[in-house]
C-alpha atoms as a PDB file:
ATOM      1  CA  UNK A   1      35.877   2.044 -30.787  1.00  0.00           C
ATOM      2  CA  UNK A   2      34.798   2.479 -34.386  1.00  0.00           C
ATOM      3  CA  UNK A   3      33.405   5.825 -35.456  1.00  0.00           C
ATOM      4  CA  UNK A   4      29.822   4.457 -36.051  1.00  0.00           C
ATOM      5  CA  UNK A   5      29.957   2.894 -32.424  1.00  0.00           C
ATOM      6  CA  UNK A   6      30.670   6.340 -30.921  1.00  0.00           C
ATOM      7  CA  UNK A   7      27.258   7.552 -32.075  1.00  0.00           C
ATOM      8  CA  UNK A   8      25.171   4.677 -30.788  1.00  0.00           C
ATOM      9  CA  UNK A   9      22.660   5.856 -28.185  1.00  0.00           C
ATOM     10  CA  UNK A  10      23.663   2.809 -25.912  1.00  0.00           C
ATOM     11  CA  UNK A  11      27.276   4.073 -25.873  1.00  0.00           C
ATOM     12  CA  UNK A  12      26.438   7.385 -24.611  1.00  0.00           C
ATOM     13  CA  UNK A  13      27.385   8.360 -21.029  1.00  0.00           C
ATOM     14  CA  UNK A  14      25.053  11.290 -21.295  1.00  0.00           C
ATOM     15  CA  UNK A  15      22.095   9.098 -22.044  1.00  0.00           C
ATOM     16  CA  UNK A  16      22.993   6.717 -19.205  1.00  0.00           C
ATOM     17  CA  UNK A  17      22.936   9.717 -16.834  1.00  0.00           C
ATOM     18  CA  UNK A  18      19.737  11.125 -18.467  1.00  0.00           C
ATOM     19  CA  UNK A  19      17.778   7.914 -18.310  1.00  0.00           C
ATOM     20  CA  UNK A  20      18.896   7.340 -14.721  1.00  0.00           C
ATOM     21  CA  UNK A  21      17.683  10.647 -13.808  1.00  0.00           C
ATOM     22  CA  UNK A  22      14.298  10.007 -15.337  1.00  0.00           C
ATOM     23  CA  UNK A  23      14.157   6.722 -13.353  1.00  0.00           C
ATOM     24  CA  UNK A  24      14.995   8.576 -10.124  1.00  0.00           C
ATOM     25  CA  UNK A  25      12.307  11.292 -10.734  1.00  0.00           C
ATOM     26  CA  UNK A  26       9.739   8.517 -11.120  1.00  0.00           C
ATOM     27  CA  UNK A  27      10.682   6.910  -7.854  1.00  0.00           C
ATOM     28  CA  UNK A  28      10.944  10.263  -6.130  1.00  0.00           C
ATOM     29  CA  UNK A  29       7.386  11.370  -7.544  1.00  0.00           C
ATOM     30  CA  UNK A  30       5.788   8.512  -5.884  1.00  0.00           C
ATOM     31  CA  UNK A  31       7.735   9.006  -2.600  1.00  0.00           C
ATOM     32  CA  UNK A  32       7.044  12.772  -2.633  1.00  0.00           C
ATOM     33  CA  UNK A  33       3.324  12.708  -3.538  1.00  0.00           C
ATOM     34  CA  UNK A  34       2.226  12.314   0.141  1.00  0.00           C
ATOM     35  CA  UNK A  35       4.154  15.219   1.034  1.00  0.00           C
ATOM     36  CA  UNK A  36       2.662  17.343  -1.751  1.00  0.00           C
ATOM     37  CA  UNK A  37       5.958  18.609  -3.358  1.00  0.00           C
ATOM     38  CA  UNK A  38       8.021  17.978  -6.473  1.00  0.00           C
ATOM     39  CA  UNK A  39      11.574  16.640  -6.800  1.00  0.00           C
ATOM     40  CA  UNK A  40      13.009  20.173  -7.272  1.00  0.00           C
ATOM     41  CA  UNK A  41      11.077  21.459  -4.417  1.00  0.00           C
ATOM     42  CA  UNK A  42      12.337  18.540  -2.364  1.00  0.00           C
ATOM     43  CA  UNK A  43      15.933  19.614  -3.276  1.00  0.00           C
ATOM     44  CA  UNK A  44      15.247  23.289  -1.999  1.00  0.00           C
ATOM     45  CA  UNK A  45      13.767  21.901   1.131  1.00  0.00           C
ATOM     46  CA  UNK A  46      16.789  19.680   1.618  1.00  0.00           C
ATOM     47  CA  UNK A  47      19.059  22.766   1.475  1.00  0.00           C
ATOM     48  CA  UNK A  48      16.886  24.606   3.952  1.00  0.00           C
ATOM     49  CA  UNK A  49      16.604  21.726   6.339  1.00  0.00           C
ATOM     50  CA  UNK A  50      20.499  21.516   6.316  1.00  0.00           C
ATOM     51  CA  UNK A  51      20.748  25.379   6.762  1.00  0.00           C
ATOM     52  CA  UNK A  52      17.826  27.647   7.320  1.00  0.00           C
ATOM     53  CA  UNK A  53      17.548  31.213   6.524  1.00  0.00           C
ATOM     54  CA  UNK A  54      19.796  31.551   3.421  1.00  0.00           C
ATOM     55  CA  UNK A  55      19.710  33.619   0.399  1.00  0.00           C
ATOM     56  CA  UNK A  56      18.225  32.779  -3.089  1.00  0.00           C
ATOM     57  CA  UNK A  57      21.699  32.884  -4.421  1.00  0.00           C
ATOM     58  CA  UNK A  58      23.016  30.415  -1.725  1.00  0.00           C
ATOM     59  CA  UNK A  59      20.274  27.984  -2.694  1.00  0.00           C
ATOM     60  CA  UNK A  60      21.089  28.355  -6.258  1.00  0.00           C
ATOM     61  CA  UNK A  61      24.698  27.871  -5.797  1.00  0.00           C
ATOM     62  CA  UNK A  62      24.124  24.617  -3.871  1.00  0.00           C
ATOM     63  CA  UNK A  63      21.680  23.396  -6.479  1.00  0.00           C
ATOM     64  CA  UNK A  64      23.429  24.604  -9.484  1.00  0.00           C
ATOM     65  CA  UNK A  65      20.422  26.652 -10.428  1.00  0.00           C
ATOM     66  CA  UNK A  66      19.895  30.295 -11.701  1.00  0.00           C
ATOM     67  CA  UNK A  67      17.672  32.552  -9.493  1.00  0.00           C
ATOM     68  CA  UNK A  68      15.368  32.921 -12.513  1.00  0.00           C
ATOM     69  CA  UNK A  69      14.701  29.207 -12.223  1.00  0.00           C
ATOM     70  CA  UNK A  70      14.443  29.259  -8.541  1.00  0.00           C
ATOM     71  CA  UNK A  71      12.248  32.180  -8.030  1.00  0.00           C
ATOM     72  CA  UNK A  72       8.896  30.584  -9.391  1.00  0.00           C
ATOM     73  CA  UNK A  73       9.578  27.487  -7.391  1.00  0.00           C
ATOM     74  CA  UNK A  74      10.168  29.416  -4.204  1.00  0.00           C
ATOM     75  CA  UNK A  75       6.880  31.395  -4.786  1.00  0.00           C
ATOM     76  CA  UNK A  76       5.223  28.095  -5.048  1.00  0.00           C
ATOM     77  CA  UNK A  77       6.654  26.819  -1.751  1.00  0.00           C
ATOM     78  CA  UNK A  78       5.798  30.025  -0.123  1.00  0.00           C
ATOM     79  CA  UNK A  79       2.226  29.651  -1.389  1.00  0.00           C
ATOM     80  CA  UNK A  80       2.213  26.184   0.222  1.00  0.00           C
ATOM     81  CA  UNK A  81       3.367  27.964   3.388  1.00  0.00           C
ATOM     82  CA  UNK A  82       6.502  25.804   3.645  1.00  0.00           C
ATOM     83  CA  UNK A  83       8.969  28.894   3.391  1.00  0.00           C
ATOM     84  CA  UNK A  84       8.901  32.582   3.738  1.00  0.00           C
ATOM     85  CA  UNK A  85      10.729  35.036   1.484  1.00  0.00           C
ATOM     86  CA  UNK A  86      12.022  38.354   2.904  1.00  0.00           C
ATOM     87  CA  UNK A  87      14.233  41.037   1.326  1.00  0.00           C
ATOM     88  CA  UNK A  88      17.270  42.077   3.119  1.00  0.00           C
ATOM     89  CA  UNK A  89      17.075  45.414   4.885  1.00  0.00           C
ATOM     90  CA  UNK A  90      20.665  46.045   3.925  1.00  0.00           C
ATOM     91  CA  UNK A  91      20.586  45.160   0.297  1.00  0.00           C
ATOM     92  CA  UNK A  92      17.129  44.820  -1.441  1.00  0.00           C
ATOM     93  CA  UNK A  93      18.527  42.689  -4.092  1.00  0.00           C
ATOM     94  CA  UNK A  94      19.142  39.939  -1.648  1.00  0.00           C
ATOM     95  CA  UNK A  95      16.075  37.675  -0.624  1.00  0.00           C
ATOM     96  CA  UNK A  96      16.440  35.465   2.430  1.00  0.00           C
ATOM     97  CA  UNK A  97      14.442  32.235   2.338  1.00  0.00           C
ATOM     98  CA  UNK A  98      13.437  30.666   5.724  1.00  0.00           C
ATOM     99  CA  UNK A  99      11.462  27.587   6.669  1.00  0.00           C
ATOM    100  CA  UNK A 100       8.031  28.198   8.221  1.00  0.00           C
ATOM    101  CA  UNK A 101       6.716  25.951  11.132  1.00  0.00           C
ATOM    102  CA  UNK A 102       4.990  23.847   8.308  1.00  0.00           C
ATOM    103  CA  UNK A 103       8.311  23.505   6.497  1.00  0.00           C
ATOM    104  CA  UNK A 104      10.126  22.264   9.634  1.00  0.00           C
ATOM    105  CA  UNK A 105       7.275  19.705  10.142  1.00  0.00           C
ATOM    106  CA  UNK A 106       7.569  18.514   6.614  1.00  0.00           C
ATOM    107  CA  UNK A 107      10.995  17.383   7.445  1.00  0.00           C
ATOM    108  CA  UNK A 108       9.750  14.946   9.899  1.00  0.00           C
ATOM    109  CA  UNK A 109       7.457  13.415   7.030  1.00  0.00           C
ATOM    110  CA  UNK A 110      10.494  13.300   4.641  1.00  0.00           C
ATOM    111  CA  UNK A 111      12.696  11.191   6.982  1.00  0.00           C
ATOM    112  CA  UNK A 112      11.863   7.961   5.488  1.00  0.00           C
ATOM    113  CA  UNK A 113      12.368   8.970   1.907  1.00  0.00           C
ATOM    114  CA  UNK A 114      16.103   8.204   1.657  1.00  0.00           C
ATOM    115  CA  UNK A 115      15.652   4.865   3.238  1.00  0.00           C
ATOM    116  CA  UNK A 116      12.714   4.050   0.966  1.00  0.00           C
ATOM    117  CA  UNK A 117      14.582   4.954  -1.993  1.00  0.00           C
ATOM    118  CA  UNK A 118      17.684   2.778  -1.016  1.00  0.00           C
ATOM    119  CA  UNK A 119      15.281  -0.218  -0.458  1.00  0.00           C
ATOM    120  CA  UNK A 120      13.966   0.270  -4.049  1.00  0.00           C
ATOM    121  CA  UNK A 121      17.516   0.400  -5.512  1.00  0.00           C
ATOM    122  CA  UNK A 122      18.803  -2.898  -3.836  1.00  0.00           C
ATOM    123  CA  UNK A 123      22.410  -1.752  -3.895  1.00  0.00           C
ATOM    124  CA  UNK A 124      24.897  -1.668  -0.941  1.00  0.00           C
ATOM    125  CA  UNK A 125      25.775   1.694   0.744  1.00  0.00           C
ATOM    126  CA  UNK A 126      29.444   1.424  -0.356  1.00  0.00           C
ATOM    127  CA  UNK A 127      28.653   1.045  -3.998  1.00  0.00           C
ATOM    128  CA  UNK A 128      26.352   3.984  -3.945  1.00  0.00           C
ATOM    129  CA  UNK A 129      28.794   6.168  -2.080  1.00  0.00           C
ATOM    130  CA  UNK A 130      31.474   5.397  -4.621  1.00  0.00           C
ATOM    131  CA  UNK A 131      28.914   6.136  -7.433  1.00  0.00           C
ATOM    132  CA  UNK A 132      28.196   9.408  -5.903  1.00  0.00           C
ATOM    133  CA  UNK A 133      31.779  10.357  -5.659  1.00  0.00           C
ATOM    134  CA  UNK A 134      32.344   9.514  -9.197  1.00  0.00           C
ATOM    135  CA  UNK A 135      29.457  11.610 -10.297  1.00  0.00           C
ATOM    136  CA  UNK A 136      30.552  14.536  -8.199  1.00  0.00           C
ATOM    137  CA  UNK A 137      34.032  14.278  -9.708  1.00  0.00           C
ATOM    138  CA  UNK A 138      32.494  14.254 -13.087  1.00  0.00           C
ATOM    139  CA  UNK A 139      30.448  17.269 -12.487  1.00  0.00           C
ATOM    140  CA  UNK A 140      33.327  19.156 -11.197  1.00  0.00           C
ATOM    141  CA  UNK A 141      35.340  18.300 -14.459  1.00  0.00           C
ATOM    142  CA  UNK A 142      32.451  19.310 -16.596  1.00  0.00           C
ATOM    143  CA  UNK A 143      32.010  22.738 -14.971  1.00  0.00           C
ATOM    144  CA  UNK A 144      35.842  23.693 -14.840  1.00  0.00           C
END
């Protein structure tokens, strides 16, 4: 590839990923509006629906986010009464995050979101699974 071609926007993998991310966010915004949560808040809830009562650092590790980014989001989720935050009695630096009853109920409302999103993409599950694996591999290489 010629030098000039390397710097064209349409040839940038990072831009393809970025623009796909923006398109996903637009779809998720519509799907999550009835639940009253944002996409980043949805990601936190997914972590908690998978495993309840975890530390802020465990959530951050799973989502690749720093606690300074997570804390304001967790405070908003707590204000919405979807989660509770509790300091560890053994180590005050650790904060445990747990689902409230309202947070558990939200899971039922969210059940249809993945299927709705797949319906919007019009892509078979095998292709999506392969793409997800490729993206996971790419992320792993980038953070090595």
